[in-house]
Amino acid sequence: MNDQPSAAAPKAGVISTEQAARLLTISGERVRQLIKDGYIQRVDKGRVLLVAAVQGYIRFLREEDRRSSKSAPTTCFAAWTQR
């Protein structure tokens, strides 16, 4: 008896980019952009690790929040000086 998984069997913990998009409630295009930007590591064409997708998206959100909070004082100052 052969207990080896077939070549076509999905790898444990690997999901499609479309599944990742549904999980993260973002578009498939956004997932592909996050892959391109290095936030999510691709394991195969159109496939990512579930854990990597979630952790990568969290890292992106944290960095995005830091970027926007750093620019907020500048924006407030600019608005104040234009009075």
Protein backbone atom coordinates (compact mmCIF):
# COMPACT_ATOMS: atom_id res chain seq x y z
CA MET A 1 0.00 0.00 0.00
CA ASN A 2 1.36 3.42 -0.97
CA ASP A 3 0.80 6.15 1.65
CA GLN A 4 2.63 8.80 -0.39
CA PRO A 5 0.45 11.71 -1.54
CA SER A 6 -0.05 11.97 -5.26
CA ALA A 7 1.77 14.65 -7.22
CA ALA A 8 -1.54 16.46 -7.75
CA ALA A 9 -2.40 16.53 -4.03
CA PRO A 10 -2.40 20.03 -2.55
CA LYS A 11 0.36 20.86 -0.09
CA ALA A 12 -0.72 21.37 3.51
CA GLY A 13 -1.11 25.03 4.37
CA VAL A 14 -0.86 26.21 0.75
CA ILE A 15 -3.76 28.21 -0.69
CA SER A 16 -4.42 30.02 -3.95
CA THR A 17 -4.03 33.78 -4.20
CA GLU A 18 -7.80 34.00 -4.70
CA GLN A 19 -8.39 32.06 -1.47
CA ALA A 20 -5.96 34.40 0.28
CA ALA A 21 -7.87 37.37 -1.09
CA ARG A 22 -11.16 36.04 0.27
CA LEU A 23 -9.56 35.24 3.63
CA LEU A 24 -8.01 38.72 3.94
CA THR A 25 -11.09 40.44 2.42
CA ILE A 26 -9.00 42.13 -0.26
CA SER A 27 -8.86 41.67 -4.03
CA GLY A 28 -6.79 39.05 -5.78
CA GLU A 29 -4.94 41.89 -7.50
CA ARG A 30 -4.02 43.34 -4.10
CA VAL A 31 -2.66 39.96 -2.99
CA ARG A 32 -0.53 39.83 -6.14
CA GLN A 33 0.74 43.36 -5.40
CA LEU A 34 1.66 42.34 -1.85
CA ILE A 35 3.55 39.36 -3.31
CA LYS A 36 5.35 41.66 -5.74
CA ASP A 37 6.22 44.08 -2.91
CA GLY A 38 7.64 41.23 -0.81
CA TYR A 39 5.04 41.16 1.96
CA ILE A 40 3.76 37.70 1.01
CA GLN A 41 6.02 34.91 -0.22
CA ARG A 42 4.77 32.88 -3.16
CA VAL A 43 5.45 29.12 -3.10
CA ASP A 44 4.27 28.44 -6.63
CA LYS A 45 2.51 30.35 -9.39
CA GLY A 46 -0.75 31.55 -7.89
CA ARG A 47 -0.10 29.77 -4.57
CA VAL A 48 0.95 31.09 -1.15
CA LEU A 49 1.35 29.69 2.34
CA LEU A 50 -1.70 30.46 4.46
CA VAL A 51 0.40 31.60 7.43
CA ALA A 52 2.66 33.72 5.21
CA ALA A 53 -0.35 35.45 3.66
CA VAL A 54 -1.83 36.40 7.03
CA GLN A 55 1.48 37.46 8.56
CA GLY A 56 2.51 39.37 5.45
CA TYR A 57 -0.77 41.26 5.35
CA ILE A 58 -0.49 42.14 9.04
CA ARG A 59 3.07 43.39 8.46
CA PHE A 60 1.86 45.51 5.53
CA LEU A 61 -0.96 47.03 7.62
CA ARG A 62 1.41 47.85 10.48
CA GLU A 63 3.91 49.51 8.14
CA GLU A 64 1.12 51.39 6.37
CA ASP A 65 -0.17 52.63 9.73
CA ARG A 66 3.32 53.84 10.69
CA ARG A 67 3.72 55.65 7.38
CA SER A 68 0.37 57.40 7.69
CA SER A 69 0.91 58.36 11.34
CA LYS A 70 4.30 59.89 10.51
CA SER A 71 2.79 62.07 7.81
CA ALA A 72 -0.21 63.16 9.91
CA PRO A 73 1.66 65.85 11.92
CA THR A 74 3.11 67.26 8.70
CA THR A 75 -0.35 67.37 7.14
CA CYS A 76 -1.85 69.09 10.20
CA PHE A 77 0.99 71.60 10.27
CA ALA A 78 0.60 72.34 6.56
CA ALA A 79 -3.15 72.91 7.03
CA TRP A 80 -2.51 75.18 10.01
CA THR A 81 0.08 77.29 8.17
CA GLN A 82 -2.24 77.83 5.20
CA ARG A 83 -4.76 79.74 7.34
